[in-house]
Amino acid sequence: MNGKNIFGKVAEKYHTTPEEVYDEIQKEIIDGFNNPNPDVQAEWNKVACKGEYPTPEEVIAYAMETLTAGRRG
């Protein structure tokens, strides 16, 4: 399942748009990324991102990789 499908399914469930879902997820990512707790920062530093903050797609990709790696070992 790709990111667009995920955002659309969540939007449908909560009677909103995929764009609104995406924007809300991005806001939460930015809030989490700016958390001053060193343990939280250490976790965010594990997420590869091309910009200043990870995108929802980058966070989803990281989560999927982490879950897949957990199944293997």
Protein backbone atom coordinates (compact mmCIF):
# COMPACT_ATOMS: atom_id res chain seq x y z
CA MET A 1 0.00 0.00 0.00
CA ASN A 2 1.46 3.36 -0.92
CA GLY A 3 1.23 6.65 0.96
CA LYS A 4 -1.56 8.07 -1.18
CA ASN A 5 -3.76 5.07 -0.44
CA ILE A 6 -3.09 5.35 3.28
CA PHE A 7 -3.96 9.05 3.39
CA GLY A 8 -7.11 8.44 1.36
CA LYS A 9 -8.29 5.62 3.61
CA VAL A 10 -7.73 7.69 6.75
CA ALA A 11 -9.47 10.67 5.15
CA GLU A 12 -12.46 8.55 4.22
CA LYS A 13 -12.75 7.14 7.73
CA TYR A 14 -12.62 10.60 9.33
CA HIS A 15 -14.66 12.43 6.67
CA THR A 16 -11.92 14.76 5.50
CA THR A 17 -9.52 15.03 2.58
CA PRO A 18 -6.25 13.21 1.98
CA GLU A 19 -4.53 16.60 1.90
CA GLU A 20 -5.83 17.47 5.36
CA VAL A 21 -4.65 14.10 6.70
CA TYR A 22 -1.22 14.66 5.15
CA ASP A 23 -0.97 18.19 6.58
CA GLU A 24 -1.96 17.05 10.08
CA ILE A 25 0.56 14.22 10.00
CA GLN A 26 3.26 16.64 8.84
CA LYS A 27 2.43 19.03 11.71
CA GLU A 28 2.77 16.19 14.22
CA ILE A 29 6.07 15.11 12.69
CA ILE A 30 7.43 18.64 13.03
CA ASP A 31 6.24 18.84 16.64
CA GLY A 32 7.87 15.50 17.42
CA PHE A 33 11.05 16.39 15.58
CA ASN A 34 11.37 19.57 17.67
CA ASN A 35 10.90 17.76 20.99
CA PRO A 36 13.90 18.68 23.17
CA ASN A 37 14.04 15.29 24.94
CA PRO A 38 17.37 13.63 23.98
CA ASP A 39 15.75 10.18 23.80
CA VAL A 40 13.11 11.48 21.40
CA GLN A 41 15.78 13.24 19.34
CA ALA A 42 17.78 10.00 19.13
CA GLU A 43 14.75 8.22 17.67
CA TRP A 44 14.04 10.96 15.13
CA ASN A 45 17.69 10.91 14.04
CA LYS A 46 17.11 7.34 12.83
CA VAL A 47 14.63 8.56 10.19
CA ALA A 48 16.30 9.42 6.88
CA CYS A 49 15.02 12.64 5.40
CA LYS A 50 15.97 14.82 2.46
CA GLY A 51 14.71 18.09 3.92
CA GLU A 52 14.72 19.85 7.25
CA TYR A 53 11.97 17.55 8.54
CA PRO A 54 10.90 14.06 7.46
CA THR A 55 7.83 13.88 5.27
CA PRO A 56 4.93 11.57 6.10
CA GLU A 57 6.14 9.28 3.30
CA GLU A 58 9.64 9.15 4.82
CA VAL A 59 8.24 8.34 8.27
CA ILE A 60 5.99 5.63 6.81
CA ALA A 61 8.95 4.15 4.89
CA TYR A 62 11.04 4.14 8.07
CA ALA A 63 8.24 2.49 10.05
CA MET A 64 7.77 -0.18 7.39
CA GLU A 65 11.51 -0.90 7.25
CA THR A 66 11.68 -1.10 11.04
CA LEU A 67 8.69 -3.44 11.25
CA THR A 68 10.03 -5.63 8.45
CA ALA A 69 13.46 -5.83 10.09
CA GLY A 70 11.79 -6.78 13.37
CA ARG A 71 10.12 -9.74 11.73
CA ARG A 72 13.41 -11.01 10.35
CA GLY A 73 15.40 -10.88 13.49
